[in-house]
């Protein structure tokens, strides 16, 4: 494979919490951006930023140098790419950013081989605000020859790209993303539980924050998530429903390689209870509500 020129056009399939911010930054960087979302009305505001919103995935990918998928899960990514298949050219670079899990990545890689696409396993680390500000961390695995093609895309959506392999086949980037997500979700649960316990014991949580400040137990992410609970700000930067899906993928990945992940499994159950209590579309720190049998404040 010969080295190729940087992309000038990109199709974004999926414009939810993450995809909308990514599409805007791609357009602001000067790329020709087409976007598709299952619910078109959610994508329409992107037109004000120079993004061309399409009715079908096939319209979006037609003639695009890079196809970027950022959908709910691997099944949604595969279904959407199948819909786009009639307009996909052999050799098109597919940057697959959905957190899909190991089993789904095998299906996505098989589809890429079938359609002669160049797959880059490229999940991103970050939530709504980093997506909107172009500060995501891109984890990527793919052929060296096509890296110049995707650099304008990754440069527009992220502050840094970490290449962890020269092929998407082994899902090296997805494997790293699952490990990173296991840490993020566990810190979220630990924060939610600590706030809940403080409430139950009548402890001012500020006392906890003061006690750990500046020491090895302090954690900036914990402070952000605790702050959301205290403000009652549960607008999702990462939704509980999606976090439950990611927790399931982490547990499944562990089972696949003989690693028991008790915290991840318990965390998945906390997310499930929070969803059952009506907090599925709120930020994942709504794990807090899983600590109470009845209503919590």
Protein backbone atom coordinates (compact mmCIF):
# COMPACT_ATOMS: atom_id res chain seq x y z
CA UNK A 1 0.00 0.00 0.00
CA UNK A 2 1.47 3.35 -1.03
CA UNK A 3 1.31 6.38 1.21
CA UNK A 4 -1.76 8.52 0.59
CA UNK A 5 -2.68 12.19 0.82
CA UNK A 6 -4.42 13.77 3.82
CA UNK A 7 -8.20 13.58 3.78
CA UNK A 8 -10.21 16.58 2.65
CA UNK A 9 -13.65 15.08 3.25
CA UNK A 10 -15.13 12.98 6.04
CA UNK A 11 -18.46 11.32 6.71
CA UNK A 12 -19.56 11.23 10.35
CA UNK A 13 -22.05 8.47 11.08
CA UNK A 14 -23.63 9.16 14.46
CA UNK A 15 -24.12 12.65 15.89
CA UNK A 16 -25.05 11.99 19.50
CA UNK A 17 -23.32 13.43 22.56
CA UNK A 18 -19.87 12.71 21.12
CA UNK A 19 -20.44 12.76 17.38
CA UNK A 20 -22.02 16.20 17.21
CA UNK A 21 -19.01 17.88 18.81
CA UNK A 22 -16.63 15.89 16.64
CA UNK A 23 -18.50 16.85 13.46
CA UNK A 24 -18.40 20.55 14.38
CA UNK A 25 -14.66 20.47 14.99
CA UNK A 26 -14.05 18.63 11.74
CA UNK A 27 -15.99 21.31 9.84
CA UNK A 28 -14.20 24.13 11.68
CA UNK A 29 -10.87 22.62 10.66
CA UNK A 30 -11.79 23.13 7.01
CA UNK A 31 -12.79 19.59 6.09
CA UNK A 32 -15.82 18.87 3.93
CA UNK A 33 -18.09 17.16 6.46
CA UNK A 34 -21.24 15.15 5.79
CA UNK A 35 -23.16 13.75 8.76
CA UNK A 36 -25.89 11.22 9.28
CA UNK A 37 -27.85 10.39 12.42
CA UNK A 38 -30.67 7.89 12.89
CA UNK A 39 -32.84 10.75 14.17
CA UNK A 40 -32.16 13.45 11.60
CA UNK A 41 -33.57 16.27 13.75
CA UNK A 42 -30.71 15.76 16.23
CA UNK A 43 -28.19 16.34 13.45
CA UNK A 44 -29.92 19.34 11.85
CA UNK A 45 -28.25 22.00 14.08
CA UNK A 46 -24.88 20.96 12.60
CA UNK A 47 -25.91 22.67 9.37
CA UNK A 48 -25.19 26.01 11.04
CA UNK A 49 -21.55 24.92 11.37
CA UNK A 50 -21.14 24.00 7.72
CA UNK A 51 -21.90 20.30 8.06
CA UNK A 52 -24.04 18.77 5.32
CA UNK A 53 -26.69 16.61 6.99
CA UNK A 54 -27.87 13.64 4.91
CA UNK A 55 -30.90 11.38 4.96
CA UNK A 56 -29.00 8.11 4.65
CA UNK A 57 -25.59 6.69 5.57
CA UNK A 58 -24.94 6.02 1.88
CA UNK A 59 -25.40 9.71 1.05
CA UNK A 60 -22.97 10.67 3.78
CA UNK A 61 -20.16 8.32 2.73
CA UNK A 62 -20.48 8.88 -1.03
CA UNK A 63 -17.09 10.21 -2.15
CA UNK A 64 -15.76 10.72 1.40
CA UNK A 65 -12.04 10.11 1.99
CA UNK A 66 -12.67 8.95 5.57
CA UNK A 67 -15.74 7.43 7.20
CA UNK A 68 -15.93 8.02 10.96
CA UNK A 69 -18.37 5.89 12.95
CA UNK A 70 -19.27 7.04 16.45
CA UNK A 71 -22.44 5.13 17.32
CA UNK A 72 -23.94 3.48 20.41
CA UNK A 73 -22.34 0.06 20.01
CA UNK A 74 -20.77 -2.35 17.56
CA UNK A 75 -24.10 -3.68 16.32
CA UNK A 76 -25.25 -0.16 15.44
CA UNK A 77 -21.94 0.56 13.68
CA UNK A 78 -22.22 -2.62 11.59
CA UNK A 79 -25.86 -2.02 10.69
CA UNK A 80 -25.10 1.56 9.65
CA UNK A 81 -22.10 0.56 7.54
CA UNK A 82 -24.21 -2.06 5.80
CA UNK A 83 -26.68 0.68 4.92
CA UNK A 84 -23.77 2.75 3.59
CA UNK A 85 -22.29 -0.17 1.61
CA UNK A 86 -23.67 0.75 -1.85
CA UNK A 87 -21.72 4.04 -1.78
CA UNK A 88 -18.50 2.78 -0.18
CA UNK A 89 -15.48 2.74 -2.48
CA UNK A 90 -12.82 0.03 -2.17
CA UNK A 91 -9.88 1.46 -0.26
CA UNK A 92 -11.95 3.95 1.73
CA UNK A 93 -10.48 4.57 5.17
CA UNK A 94 -12.87 3.70 7.97
CA UNK A 95 -12.05 5.23 11.38
CA UNK A 96 -14.15 3.16 13.78
CA UNK A 97 -14.50 5.23 16.99
CA UNK A 98 -17.46 3.45 18.57
CA UNK A 99 -16.66 1.60 21.80
CA UNK A 100 -17.63 -1.74 20.31
CA UNK A 101 -15.98 -4.43 22.43
CA UNK A 102 -13.84 -7.32 21.25
CA UNK A 103 -16.50 -9.59 19.76
CA UNK A 104 -18.11 -6.80 17.76
CA UNK A 105 -14.73 -5.61 16.48
CA UNK A 106 -14.24 -9.02 14.88
CA UNK A 107 -17.50 -8.56 12.96
CA UNK A 108 -16.55 -5.02 11.95
CA UNK A 109 -13.14 -6.18 10.74
CA UNK A 110 -14.79 -8.94 8.71
CA UNK A 111 -17.09 -6.37 7.08
CA UNK A 112 -14.09 -4.17 6.25
CA UNK A 113 -12.35 -7.11 4.57
CA UNK A 114 -15.51 -7.98 2.65
CA UNK A 115 -15.87 -4.43 1.28
CA UNK A 116 -12.12 -3.84 0.86
CA UNK A 117 -12.11 -0.96 3.34
CA UNK A 118 -9.04 0.12 5.32
CA UNK A 119 -10.17 -0.18 8.93
CA UNK A 120 -8.59 1.89 11.70
CA UNK A 121 -9.55 0.83 15.21
CA UNK A 122 -9.83 4.30 16.76
CA UNK A 123 -11.94 4.62 19.93
CA UNK A 124 -11.67 7.93 21.76
CA UNK A 125 -11.26 8.72 25.43
CA UNK A 126 -13.28 11.66 26.66
CA UNK A 127 -16.83 12.84 27.13
CA UNK A 128 -19.05 15.67 25.91
CA UNK A 129 -16.88 18.67 26.81
CA UNK A 130 -13.63 17.29 25.32
CA UNK A 131 -15.57 16.26 22.21
CA UNK A 132 -16.92 19.79 21.83
CA UNK A 133 -13.52 21.41 22.37
CA UNK A 134 -11.54 18.99 20.19
CA UNK A 135 -9.58 17.65 23.16
CA UNK A 136 -10.33 13.94 22.93
CA UNK A 137 -7.57 11.35 23.25
CA UNK A 138 -7.61 9.21 20.11
CA UNK A 139 -6.42 5.62 20.53
CA UNK A 140 -5.60 4.16 17.14
CA UNK A 141 -4.39 1.00 15.45
CA UNK A 142 -4.05 0.84 11.69
CA UNK A 143 -1.65 0.65 8.75
CA UNK A 144 1.20 3.16 8.61
CA UNK A 145 0.45 3.95 4.97
CA UNK A 146 -2.97 5.45 5.70
CA UNK A 147 -2.05 7.42 8.80
CA UNK A 148 -1.45 10.58 6.74
CA UNK A 149 -5.02 10.21 5.43
CA UNK A 150 -6.58 10.36 8.88
CA UNK A 151 -4.29 12.86 10.58
CA UNK A 152 -6.48 15.88 9.65
CA UNK A 153 -9.47 14.02 11.14
CA UNK A 154 -7.76 12.95 14.35
CA UNK A 155 -6.05 16.33 14.69
CA UNK A 156 -9.43 18.09 14.51
CA UNK A 157 -11.18 15.94 17.10
CA UNK A 158 -8.37 15.28 19.55
CA UNK A 159 -5.51 16.85 21.44
CA UNK A 160 -3.39 13.74 20.96
CA UNK A 161 -3.37 10.48 19.01
CA UNK A 162 -1.74 7.41 20.51
CA UNK A 163 -0.94 4.72 17.93
CA UNK A 164 -0.87 1.29 19.55
CA UNK A 165 -0.62 -1.02 16.55
CA UNK A 166 -0.23 -1.22 12.77
CA UNK A 167 -3.39 -3.26 12.17
CA UNK A 168 -6.98 -3.06 13.34
CA UNK A 169 -7.30 -6.84 13.25
CA UNK A 170 -6.08 -7.38 16.82
CA UNK A 171 -8.29 -4.56 18.18
CA UNK A 172 -5.31 -3.20 20.14
CA UNK A 173 -6.89 0.24 20.51
CA UNK A 174 -10.22 -1.21 21.62
CA UNK A 175 -8.42 -3.36 24.18
CA UNK A 176 -6.70 -0.30 25.61
CA UNK A 177 -9.98 1.63 25.61
CA UNK A 178 -11.68 -1.11 27.64
CA UNK A 179 -8.90 -0.97 30.24
CA UNK A 180 -9.14 2.83 30.43
CA UNK A 181 -12.92 2.71 30.67
CA UNK A 182 -12.74 0.16 33.48
CA UNK A 183 -10.76 2.71 35.50
CA UNK A 184 -13.04 5.63 34.63
CA UNK A 185 -16.22 3.73 35.51
CA UNK A 186 -14.77 2.46 38.79
CA UNK A 187 -13.73 5.98 39.83
CA UNK A 188 -17.24 7.18 38.98
CA UNK A 189 -18.83 4.49 41.14
CA UNK A 190 -16.38 5.12 44.00
CA UNK A 191 -17.28 8.81 43.94
CA UNK A 192 -21.01 8.12 43.81
CA UNK A 193 -20.81 5.65 46.69
CA UNK A 194 -18.66 7.95 48.84
CA UNK A 195 -21.13 10.81 48.36
CA UNK A 196 -24.03 8.46 49.16
CA UNK A 197 -22.33 7.15 52.32
CA UNK A 198 -21.55 10.70 53.44
CA UNK A 199 -25.21 11.57 53.00
CA UNK A 200 -26.32 8.50 54.94
CA UNK A 201 -23.91 9.20 57.82
CA UNK A 202 -24.68 12.91 57.92
CA UNK A 203 -21.11 13.82 56.92
CA UNK A 204 -20.37 17.05 55.06
CA UNK A 205 -18.62 15.76 51.92
CA UNK A 206 -16.55 18.94 51.83
CA UNK A 207 -14.76 17.53 54.85
CA UNK A 208 -13.75 14.53 52.75
CA UNK A 209 -12.50 16.78 49.96
CA UNK A 210 -10.52 18.87 52.43
CA UNK A 211 -8.97 15.76 53.97
CA UNK A 212 -7.64 14.35 50.67
CA UNK A 213 -6.71 17.68 49.07
CA UNK A 214 -3.22 17.68 47.60
CA UNK A 215 -2.46 14.14 48.72
CA UNK A 216 -2.16 10.82 46.89
CA UNK A 217 -5.86 10.09 47.47
CA UNK A 218 -6.98 13.27 45.71
CA UNK A 219 -8.43 12.92 42.23
CA UNK A 220 -9.52 15.65 39.83
CA UNK A 221 -12.08 13.46 38.09
CA UNK A 222 -13.61 12.53 41.45
CA UNK A 223 -13.99 16.23 42.25
CA UNK A 224 -15.70 16.90 38.91
CA UNK A 225 -18.19 14.06 39.40
CA UNK A 226 -18.87 14.95 43.04
CA UNK A 227 -19.46 18.55 41.97
CA UNK A 228 -22.10 17.41 39.49
CA UNK A 229 -24.00 15.62 42.24
CA UNK A 230 -23.86 18.58 44.61
CA UNK A 231 -25.11 20.95 41.91
CA UNK A 232 -27.79 18.51 40.83
CA UNK A 233 -26.32 18.78 37.34
CA UNK A 234 -26.96 15.42 35.69
CA UNK A 235 -26.87 16.62 32.09
CA UNK A 236 -25.03 13.73 30.46
CA UNK A 237 -21.43 14.11 29.46
CA UNK A 238 -21.58 10.31 29.32
CA UNK A 239 -25.00 8.74 29.80
CA UNK A 240 -25.71 6.03 32.37
CA UNK A 241 -27.25 3.83 29.67
CA UNK A 242 -24.07 3.98 27.59
CA UNK A 243 -21.90 3.42 30.66
CA UNK A 244 -23.88 0.26 31.46
CA UNK A 245 -23.18 -0.97 27.92
CA UNK A 246 -19.47 -0.26 28.30
CA UNK A 247 -19.39 -2.01 31.68
CA UNK A 248 -20.92 -5.08 30.05
CA UNK A 249 -18.27 -5.01 27.31
CA UNK A 250 -15.53 -4.78 29.95
CA UNK A 251 -16.91 -7.75 31.87
CA UNK A 252 -17.25 -9.76 28.64
CA UNK A 253 -13.67 -8.92 27.65
CA UNK A 254 -12.43 -10.13 31.03
CA UNK A 255 -14.38 -13.38 30.73
CA UNK A 256 -12.95 -13.89 27.25
CA UNK A 257 -9.38 -13.91 28.60
CA UNK A 258 -10.07 -15.58 31.95
CA UNK A 259 -9.93 -12.44 34.08
CA UNK A 260 -12.62 -12.01 36.73
CA UNK A 261 -13.70 -8.39 37.08
CA UNK A 262 -15.79 -8.19 40.23
CA UNK A 263 -15.82 -4.38 40.43
CA UNK A 264 -16.83 -3.99 36.79
CA UNK A 265 -19.64 -6.53 37.23
CA UNK A 266 -20.89 -4.79 40.38
CA UNK A 267 -20.66 -1.47 38.59
CA UNK A 268 -22.73 -2.76 35.71
CA UNK A 269 -25.39 -3.77 38.20
CA UNK A 270 -25.31 -0.29 39.79
CA UNK A 271 -25.84 1.29 36.37
CA UNK A 272 -28.68 -1.15 35.70
CA UNK A 273 -30.43 -0.15 38.93
CA UNK A 274 -29.94 3.55 38.17
CA UNK A 275 -31.48 3.03 34.73
CA UNK A 276 -34.37 1.11 36.27
CA UNK A 277 -34.92 4.06 38.62
CA UNK A 278 -35.27 6.41 35.64
CA UNK A 279 -31.74 7.81 35.35
CA UNK A 280 -30.63 6.11 32.13
CA UNK A 281 -30.36 9.29 30.10
CA UNK A 282 -28.60 11.25 32.86
CA UNK A 283 -24.87 11.45 33.46
CA UNK A 284 -23.32 8.19 34.64
CA UNK A 285 -22.62 9.66 38.08
CA UNK A 286 -26.32 8.86 38.56
CA UNK A 287 -24.83 5.60 39.83
CA UNK A 288 -25.34 7.49 43.10
CA UNK A 289 -29.05 6.67 43.01
CA UNK A 290 -28.32 2.94 42.99
CA UNK A 291 -27.22 3.32 46.64
CA UNK A 292 -30.76 3.93 47.83
CA UNK A 293 -33.82 1.72 47.80
CA UNK A 294 -36.18 4.67 47.60
CA UNK A 295 -35.91 8.27 46.42
CA UNK A 296 -32.58 10.03 47.02
CA UNK A 297 -31.75 13.72 47.06
